[in-house]
Amino acid sequence: MPDLFTTIDCTGFQYSTHAVKRMLEKDVSTFEVEQTVLYGEIVQYYDDDTPYPSKLLFKFVSERPIHVVTSQNTDTKECIIITCYEPDKALWNIDFKTKK
């Protein structure tokens, strides 16, 4: 699994209905999501996702671990937020980058 910091240049953010629902359920803010997308670490690539490849990103934002799955429109460079959540400590190792 790669351990790379992102340098994604988004022209804007589009939130899926699923992502908004998870944000409300898990009390994840747009600030936390956007910080993770812009400055997080790539945990996993999903190259076969359509219509655009996506990736799982991780970042501590205000000492809180955040995961975001995002893709990017190749024409407009807009970042599409697919889902986001605080990773479950029972499922993830302490680094929040590898599953138990």
PDB file of N, CA and C in Angstrom:
ATOM      1  N   MET A   1       0.827  -1.174   0.000  1.00  0.00           N
ATOM      2  CA  MET A   1       0.000   0.000   0.000  1.00  0.00           C
ATOM      3  C   MET A   1       0.881   1.250   0.000  1.00  0.00           C
ATOM      4  N   PRO A   2       0.582   2.229  -0.827  1.00  0.00           N
ATOM      5  CA  PRO A   2       1.416   3.418  -0.883  1.00  0.00           C
ATOM      6  C   PRO A   2       1.277   4.257   0.372  1.00  0.00           C
ATOM      7  N   ASP A   3       2.301   4.985   0.680  1.00  0.00           N
ATOM      8  CA  ASP A   3       2.292   5.907   1.811  1.00  0.00           C
ATOM      9  C   ASP A   3       2.737   7.259   1.292  1.00  0.00           C
ATOM     10  N   LEU A   4       1.893   7.889   0.495  1.00  0.00           N
ATOM     11  CA  LEU A   4       2.253   9.119  -0.191  1.00  0.00           C
ATOM     12  C   LEU A   4       1.332  10.252   0.229  1.00  0.00           C
ATOM     13  N   PHE A   5       1.905  11.437   0.362  1.00  0.00           N
ATOM     14  CA  PHE A   5       1.081  12.599   0.627  1.00  0.00           C
ATOM     15  C   PHE A   5       0.469  13.064  -0.683  1.00  0.00           C
ATOM     16  N   THR A   6      -0.754  13.546  -0.607  1.00  0.00           N
ATOM     17  CA  THR A   6      -1.430  14.006  -1.814  1.00  0.00           C
ATOM     18  C   THR A   6      -1.059  15.457  -2.091  1.00  0.00           C
ATOM     19  N   THR A   7      -1.139  15.812  -3.314  1.00  0.00           N
ATOM     20  CA  THR A   7      -1.050  17.205  -3.718  1.00  0.00           C
ATOM     21  C   THR A   7      -2.135  17.402  -4.776  1.00  0.00           C
ATOM     22  N   ILE A   8      -3.338  17.074  -4.393  1.00  0.00           N
ATOM     23  CA  ILE A   8      -4.462  17.157  -5.322  1.00  0.00           C
ATOM     24  C   ILE A   8      -4.865  18.617  -5.466  1.00  0.00           C
ATOM     25  N   ASP A   9      -4.951  19.054  -6.694  1.00  0.00           N
ATOM     26  CA  ASP A   9      -5.354  20.422  -7.000  1.00  0.00           C
ATOM     27  C   ASP A   9      -6.803  20.387  -7.472  1.00  0.00           C
ATOM     28  N   CYS A  10      -7.716  20.664  -6.562  1.00  0.00           N
ATOM     29  CA  CYS A  10      -9.147  20.630  -6.874  1.00  0.00           C
ATOM     30  C   CYS A  10      -9.631  22.015  -7.285  1.00  0.00           C
ATOM     31  N   THR A  11     -10.407  22.065  -8.348  1.00  0.00           N
ATOM     32  CA  THR A  11     -11.038  23.332  -8.724  1.00  0.00           C
ATOM     33  C   THR A  11     -12.278  23.584  -7.884  1.00  0.00           C
ATOM     34  N   GLY A  12     -12.740  22.563  -7.203  1.00  0.00           N
ATOM     35  CA  GLY A  12     -13.908  22.642  -6.339  1.00  0.00           C
ATOM     36  C   GLY A  12     -14.209  21.268  -5.793  1.00  0.00           C
ATOM     37  N   PHE A  13     -15.256  21.181  -4.991  1.00  0.00           N
ATOM     38  CA  PHE A  13     -15.640  19.913  -4.381  1.00  0.00           C
ATOM     39  C   PHE A  13     -17.102  19.628  -4.677  1.00  0.00           C
ATOM     40  N   GLN A  14     -17.378  18.396  -5.065  1.00  0.00           N
ATOM     41  CA  GLN A  14     -18.744  17.919  -5.267  1.00  0.00           C
ATOM     42  C   GLN A  14     -18.951  16.770  -4.291  1.00  0.00           C
ATOM     43  N   TYR A  15     -19.972  16.856  -3.463  1.00  0.00           N
ATOM     44  CA  TYR A  15     -20.257  15.840  -2.451  1.00  0.00           C
ATOM     45  C   TYR A  15     -21.394  14.943  -2.919  1.00  0.00           C
ATOM     46  N   SER A  16     -21.146  13.640  -2.923  1.00  0.00           N
ATOM     47  CA  SER A  16     -22.214  12.699  -3.268  1.00  0.00           C
ATOM     48  C   SER A  16     -23.257  12.704  -2.148  1.00  0.00           C
ATOM     49  N   THR A  17     -24.443  12.257  -2.470  1.00  0.00           N
ATOM     50  CA  THR A  17     -25.498  12.146  -1.461  1.00  0.00           C
ATOM     51  C   THR A  17     -25.038  11.224  -0.341  1.00  0.00           C
ATOM     52  N   HIS A  18     -24.367  10.147  -0.700  1.00  0.00           N
ATOM     53  CA  HIS A  18     -23.856   9.203   0.293  1.00  0.00           C
ATOM     54  C   HIS A  18     -22.862   9.892   1.232  1.00  0.00           C
ATOM     55  N   ALA A  19     -21.954  10.694   0.679  1.00  0.00           N
ATOM     56  CA  ALA A  19     -20.963  11.391   1.508  1.00  0.00           C
ATOM     57  C   ALA A  19     -21.639  12.352   2.485  1.00  0.00           C
ATOM     58  N   VAL A  20     -22.613  13.094   2.015  1.00  0.00           N
ATOM     59  CA  VAL A  20     -23.327  14.031   2.892  1.00  0.00           C
ATOM     60  C   VAL A  20     -24.029  13.281   4.016  1.00  0.00           C
ATOM     61  N   LYS A  21     -24.635  12.165   3.673  1.00  0.00           N
ATOM     62  CA  LYS A  21     -25.314  11.343   4.686  1.00  0.00           C
ATOM     63  C   LYS A  21     -24.315  10.873   5.739  1.00  0.00           C
ATOM     64  N   ARG A  22     -23.155  10.382   5.312  1.00  0.00           N
ATOM     65  CA  ARG A  22     -22.129   9.927   6.258  1.00  0.00           C
ATOM     66  C   ARG A  22     -21.584  11.077   7.101  1.00  0.00           C
ATOM     67  N   MET A  23     -21.440  12.236   6.489  1.00  0.00           N
ATOM     68  CA  MET A  23     -20.955  13.409   7.227  1.00  0.00           C
ATOM     69  C   MET A  23     -21.908  13.764   8.361  1.00  0.00           C
ATOM     70  N   LEU A  24     -23.186  13.719   8.080  1.00  0.00           N
ATOM     71  CA  LEU A  24     -24.187  14.021   9.101  1.00  0.00           C
ATOM     72  C   LEU A  24     -24.222  12.946  10.180  1.00  0.00           C
ATOM     73  N   GLU A  25     -24.156  11.677   9.767  1.00  0.00           N
ATOM     74  CA  GLU A  25     -24.190  10.563  10.721  1.00  0.00           C
ATOM     75  C   GLU A  25     -22.959  10.538  11.628  1.00  0.00           C
ATOM     76  N   LYS A  26     -21.805  10.848  11.054  1.00  0.00           N
ATOM     77  CA  LYS A  26     -20.538  10.711  11.777  1.00  0.00           C
ATOM     78  C   LYS A  26     -19.984  12.043  12.272  1.00  0.00           C
ATOM     79  N   ASP A  27     -20.731  13.118  12.047  1.00  0.00           N
ATOM     80  CA  ASP A  27     -20.312  14.460  12.472  1.00  0.00           C
ATOM     81  C   ASP A  27     -18.942  14.833  11.897  1.00  0.00           C
ATOM     82  N   VAL A  28     -18.796  14.633  10.588  1.00  0.00           N
ATOM     83  CA  VAL A  28     -17.577  15.002   9.866  1.00  0.00           C
ATOM     84  C   VAL A  28     -17.857  16.306   9.126  1.00  0.00           C
ATOM     85  N   SER A  29     -16.997  17.283   9.302  1.00  0.00           N
ATOM     86  CA  SER A  29     -17.212  18.602   8.698  1.00  0.00           C
ATOM     87  C   SER A  29     -16.603  18.690   7.299  1.00  0.00           C
ATOM     88  N   THR A  30     -17.056  19.664   6.520  1.00  0.00           N
ATOM     89  CA  THR A  30     -16.465  19.907   5.203  1.00  0.00           C
ATOM     90  C   THR A  30     -14.993  20.285   5.352  1.00  0.00           C
ATOM     91  N   PHE A  31     -14.643  20.996   6.415  1.00  0.00           N
ATOM     92  CA  PHE A  31     -13.243  21.343   6.665  1.00  0.00           C
ATOM     93  C   PHE A  31     -12.403  20.072   6.798  1.00  0.00           C
ATOM     94  N   GLU A  32     -12.881  19.106   7.591  1.00  0.00           N
ATOM     95  CA  GLU A  32     -12.144  17.857   7.781  1.00  0.00           C
ATOM     96  C   GLU A  32     -11.992  17.099   6.465  1.00  0.00           C
ATOM     97  N   VAL A  33     -13.050  17.052   5.688  1.00  0.00           N
ATOM     98  CA  VAL A  33     -13.014  16.352   4.400  1.00  0.00           C
ATOM     99  C   VAL A  33     -12.020  17.023   3.460  1.00  0.00           C
ATOM    100  N   GLU A  34     -12.126  18.325   3.317  1.00  0.00           N
ATOM    101  CA  GLU A  34     -11.292  19.032   2.349  1.00  0.00           C
ATOM    102  C   GLU A  34      -9.825  19.052   2.763  1.00  0.00           C
ATOM    103  N   GLN A  35      -9.535  19.141   4.050  1.00  0.00           N
ATOM    104  CA  GLN A  35      -8.152  19.054   4.526  1.00  0.00           C
ATOM    105  C   GLN A  35      -7.562  17.679   4.218  1.00  0.00           C
ATOM    106  N   THR A  36      -8.373  16.646   4.385  1.00  0.00           N
ATOM    107  CA  THR A  36      -7.924  15.285   4.102  1.00  0.00           C
ATOM    108  C   THR A  36      -7.636  15.114   2.616  1.00  0.00           C
ATOM    109  N   VAL A  37      -8.504  15.626   1.770  1.00  0.00           N
ATOM    110  CA  VAL A  37      -8.305  15.512   0.327  1.00  0.00           C
ATOM    111  C   VAL A  37      -7.068  16.287  -0.117  1.00  0.00           C
ATOM    112  N   LEU A  38      -6.920  17.483   0.375  1.00  0.00           N
ATOM    113  CA  LEU A  38      -5.829  18.347  -0.088  1.00  0.00           C
ATOM    114  C   LEU A  38      -4.465  17.987   0.500  1.00  0.00           C
ATOM    115  N   TYR A  39      -4.447  17.487   1.740  1.00  0.00           N
ATOM    116  CA  TYR A  39      -3.164  17.304   2.431  1.00  0.00           C
ATOM    117  C   TYR A  39      -2.964  15.919   3.049  1.00  0.00           C
ATOM    118  N   GLY A  40      -3.862  14.997   2.774  1.00  0.00           N
ATOM    119  CA  GLY A  40      -3.789  13.673   3.391  1.00  0.00           C
ATOM    120  C   GLY A  40      -2.810  12.739   2.715  1.00  0.00           C
ATOM    121  N   GLU A  41      -2.799  11.512   3.193  1.00  0.00           N
ATOM    122  CA  GLU A  41      -1.957  10.459   2.644  1.00  0.00           C
ATOM    123  C   GLU A  41      -2.817   9.473   1.871  1.00  0.00           C
ATOM    124  N   ILE A  42      -2.286   8.980   0.772  1.00  0.00           N
ATOM    125  CA  ILE A  42      -2.991   7.975  -0.009  1.00  0.00           C
ATOM    126  C   ILE A  42      -2.811   6.631   0.677  1.00  0.00           C
ATOM    127  N   VAL A  43      -3.928   6.004   1.005  1.00  0.00           N
ATOM    128  CA  VAL A  43      -3.914   4.699   1.665  1.00  0.00           C
ATOM    129  C   VAL A  43      -4.144   3.583   0.646  1.00  0.00           C
ATOM    130  N   GLN A  44      -5.056   3.823  -0.293  1.00  0.00           N
ATOM    131  CA  GLN A  44      -5.409   2.794  -1.272  1.00  0.00           C
ATOM    132  C   GLN A  44      -5.868   3.455  -2.564  1.00  0.00           C
ATOM    133  N   TYR A  45      -5.490   2.841  -3.682  1.00  0.00           N
ATOM    134  CA  TYR A  45      -5.972   3.266  -4.992  1.00  0.00           C
ATOM    135  C   TYR A  45      -7.077   2.314  -5.444  1.00  0.00           C
ATOM    136  N   TYR A  46      -8.092   2.852  -6.102  1.00  0.00           N
ATOM    137  CA  TYR A  46      -9.154   2.056  -6.710  1.00  0.00           C
ATOM    138  C   TYR A  46      -9.200   2.425  -8.196  1.00  0.00           C
ATOM    139  N   ASP A  47      -8.231   1.900  -8.940  1.00  0.00           N
ATOM    140  CA  ASP A  47      -8.062   2.279 -10.345  1.00  0.00           C
ATOM    141  C   ASP A  47      -9.210   1.845 -11.246  1.00  0.00           C
ATOM    142  N   ASP A  48      -9.971   0.825 -10.827  1.00  0.00           N
ATOM    143  CA  ASP A  48     -11.055   0.315 -11.662  1.00  0.00           C
ATOM    144  C   ASP A  48     -12.390   1.025 -11.432  1.00  0.00           C
ATOM    145  N   ASP A  49     -12.440   1.963 -10.494  1.00  0.00           N
ATOM    146  CA  ASP A  49     -13.692   2.696 -10.244  1.00  0.00           C
ATOM    147  C   ASP A  49     -14.070   3.531 -11.456  1.00  0.00           C
ATOM    148  N   THR A  50     -15.372   3.686 -11.663  1.00  0.00           N
ATOM    149  CA  THR A  50     -15.870   4.492 -12.771  1.00  0.00           C
ATOM    150  C   THR A  50     -16.859   5.526 -12.251  1.00  0.00           C
ATOM    151  N   PRO A  51     -16.998   6.650 -12.878  1.00  0.00           N
ATOM    152  CA  PRO A  51     -16.388   7.009 -14.157  1.00  0.00           C
ATOM    153  C   PRO A  51     -14.925   7.457 -14.046  1.00  0.00           C
ATOM    154  N   TYR A  52     -14.411   7.655 -12.810  1.00  0.00           N
ATOM    155  CA  TYR A  52     -13.022   8.062 -12.611  1.00  0.00           C
ATOM    156  C   TYR A  52     -12.391   7.181 -11.537  1.00  0.00           C
ATOM    157  N   PRO A  53     -11.106   6.883 -11.662  1.00  0.00           N
ATOM    158  CA  PRO A  53     -10.425   6.162 -10.588  1.00  0.00           C
ATOM    159  C   PRO A  53     -10.550   6.946  -9.283  1.00  0.00           C
ATOM    160  N   SER A  54     -10.549   6.231  -8.165  1.00  0.00           N
ATOM    161  CA  SER A  54     -10.655   6.917  -6.875  1.00  0.00           C
ATOM    162  C   SER A  54      -9.547   6.447  -5.953  1.00  0.00           C
ATOM    163  N   LYS A  55      -9.486   7.074  -4.787  1.00  0.00           N
ATOM    164  CA  LYS A  55      -8.484   6.694  -3.796  1.00  0.00           C
ATOM    165  C   LYS A  55      -9.013   6.958  -2.403  1.00  0.00           C
ATOM    166  N   LEU A  56      -8.507   6.170  -1.471  1.00  0.00           N
ATOM    167  CA  LEU A  56      -8.801   6.358  -0.051  1.00  0.00           C
ATOM    168  C   LEU A  56      -7.683   7.203   0.528  1.00  0.00           C
ATOM    169  N   LEU A  57      -8.054   8.288   1.177  1.00  0.00           N
ATOM    170  CA  LEU A  57      -7.095   9.212   1.785  1.00  0.00           C
ATOM    171  C   LEU A  57      -7.265   9.221   3.292  1.00  0.00           C
ATOM    172  N   PHE A  58      -6.185   9.501   3.997  1.00  0.00           N
ATOM    173  CA  PHE A  58      -6.193   9.559   5.459  1.00  0.00           C
ATOM    174  C   PHE A  58      -5.451  10.795   5.936  1.00  0.00           C
ATOM    175  N   LYS A  59      -5.993  11.420   6.986  1.00  0.00           N
ATOM    176  CA  LYS A  59      -5.312  12.544   7.637  1.00  0.00           C
ATOM    177  C   LYS A  59      -5.880  12.713   9.037  1.00  0.00           C
ATOM    178  N   PHE A  60      -5.008  13.097   9.970  1.00  0.00           N
ATOM    179  CA  PHE A  60      -5.478  13.574  11.265  1.00  0.00           C
ATOM    180  C   PHE A  60      -5.835  15.042  11.091  1.00  0.00           C
ATOM    181  N   VAL A  61      -7.060  15.407  11.406  1.00  0.00           N
ATOM    182  CA  VAL A  61      -7.506  16.793  11.350  1.00  0.00           C
ATOM    183  C   VAL A  61      -7.949  17.155  12.757  1.00  0.00           C
ATOM    184  N   SER A  62      -7.276  18.106  13.351  1.00  0.00           N
ATOM    185  CA  SER A  62      -7.533  18.485  14.745  1.00  0.00           C
ATOM    186  C   SER A  62      -7.498  17.244  15.645  1.00  0.00           C
ATOM    187  N   GLU A  63      -6.486  16.412  15.448  1.00  0.00           N
ATOM    188  CA  GLU A  63      -6.237  15.199  16.238  1.00  0.00           C
ATOM    189  C   GLU A  63      -7.274  14.096  16.022  1.00  0.00           C
ATOM    190  N   ARG A  64      -8.129  14.240  15.040  1.00  0.00           N
ATOM    191  CA  ARG A  64      -9.138  13.233  14.724  1.00  0.00           C
ATOM    192  C   ARG A  64      -8.768  12.539  13.418  1.00  0.00           C
ATOM    193  N   PRO A  65      -8.736  11.197  13.391  1.00  0.00           N
ATOM    194  CA  PRO A  65      -8.437  10.503  12.133  1.00  0.00           C
ATOM    195  C   PRO A  65      -9.643  10.565  11.189  1.00  0.00           C
ATOM    196  N   ILE A  66      -9.374  10.863   9.927  1.00  0.00           N
ATOM    197  CA  ILE A  66     -10.434  10.968   8.929  1.00  0.00           C
ATOM    198  C   ILE A  66     -10.026  10.173   7.692  1.00  0.00           C
ATOM    199  N   HIS A  67     -10.966   9.407   7.144  1.00  0.00           N
ATOM    200  CA  HIS A  67     -10.814   8.729   5.860  1.00  0.00           C
ATOM    201  C   HIS A  67     -11.772   9.374   4.872  1.00  0.00           C
ATOM    202  N   VAL A  68     -11.297   9.586   3.652  1.00  0.00           N
ATOM    203  CA  VAL A  68     -12.133  10.110   2.579  1.00  0.00           C
ATOM    204  C   VAL A  68     -11.843   9.310   1.319  1.00  0.00           C
ATOM    205  N   VAL A  69     -12.890   8.865   0.649  1.00  0.00           N
ATOM    206  CA  VAL A  69     -12.738   8.266  -0.672  1.00  0.00           C
ATOM    207  C   VAL A  69     -13.151   9.338  -1.670  1.00  0.00           C
ATOM    208  N   THR A  70     -12.243   9.634  -2.595  1.00  0.00           N
ATOM    209  CA  THR A  70     -12.488  10.699  -3.554  1.00  0.00           C
ATOM    210  C   THR A  70     -12.019  10.302  -4.941  1.00  0.00           C
ATOM    211  N   SER A  71     -12.613  10.934  -5.935  1.00  0.00           N
ATOM    212  CA  SER A  71     -12.146  10.817  -7.311  1.00  0.00           C
ATOM    213  C   SER A  71     -12.076  12.234  -7.863  1.00  0.00           C
ATOM    214  N   GLN A  72     -11.545  12.362  -9.053  1.00  0.00           N
ATOM    215  CA  GLN A  72     -11.419  13.697  -9.625  1.00  0.00           C
ATOM    216  C   GLN A  72     -11.858  13.667 -11.081  1.00  0.00           C
ATOM    217  N   ASN A  73     -12.755  14.588 -11.418  1.00  0.00           N
ATOM    218  CA  ASN A  73     -13.206  14.742 -12.791  1.00  0.00           C
ATOM    219  C   ASN A  73     -11.995  15.145 -13.632  1.00  0.00           C
ATOM    220  N   THR A  74     -11.659  14.342 -14.626  1.00  0.00           N
ATOM    221  CA  THR A  74     -10.454  14.596 -15.412  1.00  0.00           C
ATOM    222  C   THR A  74     -10.575  15.837 -16.297  1.00  0.00           C
ATOM    223  N   ASP A  75     -11.791  16.251 -16.610  1.00  0.00           N
ATOM    224  CA  ASP A  75     -11.974  17.443 -17.449  1.00  0.00           C
ATOM    225  C   ASP A  75     -11.971  18.733 -16.634  1.00  0.00           C
ATOM    226  N   THR A  76     -12.756  18.756 -15.543  1.00  0.00           N
ATOM    227  CA  THR A  76     -12.912  19.987 -14.761  1.00  0.00           C
ATOM    228  C   THR A  76     -11.963  20.073 -13.572  1.00  0.00           C
ATOM    229  N   LYS A  77     -11.342  18.946 -13.190  1.00  0.00           N
ATOM    230  CA  LYS A  77     -10.455  18.846 -12.018  1.00  0.00           C
ATOM    231  C   LYS A  77     -11.204  19.015 -10.695  1.00  0.00           C
ATOM    232  N   GLU A  78     -12.533  18.953 -10.744  1.00  0.00           N
ATOM    233  CA  GLU A  78     -13.338  19.008  -9.520  1.00  0.00           C
ATOM    234  C   GLU A  78     -13.177  17.694  -8.767  1.00  0.00           C
ATOM    235  N   CYS A  79     -12.993  17.767  -7.456  1.00  0.00           N
ATOM    236  CA  CYS A  79     -12.873  16.577  -6.620  1.00  0.00           C
ATOM    237  C   CYS A  79     -14.261  16.123  -6.195  1.00  0.00           C
ATOM    238  N   ILE A  80     -14.518  14.849  -6.382  1.00  0.00           N
ATOM    239  CA  ILE A  80     -15.813  14.262  -6.058  1.00  0.00           C
ATOM    240  C   ILE A  80     -15.637  13.450  -4.779  1.00  0.00           C
ATOM    241  N   ILE A  81     -16.352  13.841  -3.736  1.00  0.00           N
ATOM    242  CA  ILE A  81     -16.277  13.148  -2.457  1.00  0.00           C
ATOM    243  C   ILE A  81     -17.295  12.023  -2.485  1.00  0.00           C
ATOM    244  N   ILE A  82     -16.799  10.783  -2.416  1.00  0.00           N
ATOM    245  CA  ILE A  82     -17.659   9.608  -2.511  1.00  0.00           C
ATOM    246  C   ILE A  82     -18.170   9.200  -1.139  1.00  0.00           C
ATOM    247  N   THR A  83     -17.277   9.153  -0.157  1.00  0.00           N
ATOM    248  CA  THR A  83     -17.659   8.862   1.220  1.00  0.00           C
ATOM    249  C   THR A  83     -16.580   9.374   2.160  1.00  0.00           C
ATOM    250  N   CYS A  84     -16.914   9.461   3.437  1.00  0.00           N
ATOM    251  CA  CYS A  84     -15.958   9.905   4.445  1.00  0.00           C
ATOM    252  C   CYS A  84     -16.422   9.398   5.803  1.00  0.00           C
ATOM    253  N   TYR A  85     -15.451   9.207   6.700  1.00  0.00           N
ATOM    254  CA  TYR A  85     -15.782   8.674   8.019  1.00  0.00           C
ATOM    255  C   TYR A  85     -14.566   8.744   8.917  1.00  0.00           C
ATOM    256  N   GLU A  86     -14.800   8.578  10.198  1.00  0.00           N
ATOM    257  CA  GLU A  86     -13.717   8.384  11.147  1.00  0.00           C
ATOM    258  C   GLU A  86     -13.480   6.877  11.217  1.00  0.00           C
ATOM    259  N   PRO A  87     -12.266   6.414  10.877  1.00  0.00           N
ATOM    260  CA  PRO A  87     -12.032   4.969  10.851  1.00  0.00           C
ATOM    261  C   PRO A  87     -12.229   4.328  12.217  1.00  0.00           C
ATOM    262  N   ASP A  88     -12.821   3.151  12.196  1.00  0.00           N
ATOM    263  CA  ASP A  88     -13.120   2.393  13.407  1.00  0.00           C
ATOM    264  C   ASP A  88     -11.837   1.745  13.930  1.00  0.00           C
ATOM    265  N   LYS A  89     -11.484   2.047  15.173  1.00  0.00           N
ATOM    266  CA  LYS A  89     -10.265   1.506  15.782  1.00  0.00           C
ATOM    267  C   LYS A  89     -10.296  -0.014  15.878  1.00  0.00           C
ATOM    268  N   ALA A  90     -11.479  -0.605  15.873  1.00  0.00           N
ATOM    269  CA  ALA A  90     -11.594  -2.059  15.930  1.00  0.00           C
ATOM    270  C   ALA A  90     -11.251  -2.707  14.585  1.00  0.00           C
ATOM    271  N   LEU A  91     -11.324  -1.941  13.501  1.00  0.00           N
ATOM    272  CA  LEU A  91     -11.075  -2.470  12.163  1.00  0.00           C
ATOM    273  C   LEU A  91      -9.715  -2.081  11.594  1.00  0.00           C
ATOM    274  N   TRP A  92      -9.158  -0.967  12.088  1.00  0.00           N
ATOM    275  CA  TRP A  92      -7.921  -0.421  11.543  1.00  0.00           C
ATOM    276  C   TRP A  92      -6.807  -0.479  12.588  1.00  0.00           C
ATOM    277  N   ASN A  93      -5.585  -0.685  12.112  1.00  0.00           N
ATOM    278  CA  ASN A  93      -4.424  -0.615  12.998  1.00  0.00           C
ATOM    279  C   ASN A  93      -4.238   0.814  13.478  1.00  0.00           C
ATOM    280  N   ILE A  94      -3.371   0.998  14.433  1.00  0.00           N
ATOM    281  CA  ILE A  94      -3.184   2.303  15.067  1.00  0.00           C
ATOM    282  C   ILE A  94      -2.763   3.399  14.086  1.00  0.00           C
ATOM    283  N   ASP A  95      -2.163   3.005  12.962  1.00  0.00           N
ATOM    284  CA  ASP A  95      -1.757   3.990  11.948  1.00  0.00           C
ATOM    285  C   ASP A  95      -2.939   4.450  11.095  1.00  0.00           C
ATOM    286  N   PHE A  96      -4.077   3.763  11.188  1.00  0.00           N
ATOM    287  CA  PHE A  96      -5.301   4.038  10.407  1.00  0.00           C
ATOM    288  C   PHE A  96      -5.089   3.927   8.904  1.00  0.00           C
ATOM    289  N   LYS A  97      -3.989   3.281   8.499  1.00  0.00           N
ATOM    290  CA  LYS A  97      -3.690   3.095   7.092  1.00  0.00           C
ATOM    291  C   LYS A  97      -3.757   1.632   6.674  1.00  0.00           C
ATOM    292  N   THR A  98      -3.741   0.740   7.641  1.00  0.00           N
ATOM    293  CA  THR A  98      -3.804  -0.695   7.352  1.00  0.00           C
ATOM    294  C   THR A  98      -4.893  -1.327   8.211  1.00  0.00           C
ATOM    295  N   LYS A  99      -5.635  -2.236   7.591  1.00  0.00           N
ATOM    296  CA  LYS A  99      -6.700  -2.933   8.330  1.00  0.00           C
ATOM    297  C   LYS A  99      -6.110  -4.040   9.167  1.00  0.00           C
ATOM    298  N   LYS A 100      -6.802  -4.345  10.261  1.00  0.00           N
ATOM    299  CA  LYS A 100      -6.387  -5.447  11.141  1.00  0.00           C
ATOM    300  C   LYS A 100      -6.642  -6.779  10.483  1.00  0.00           C
TER     301      LYS A 100
END
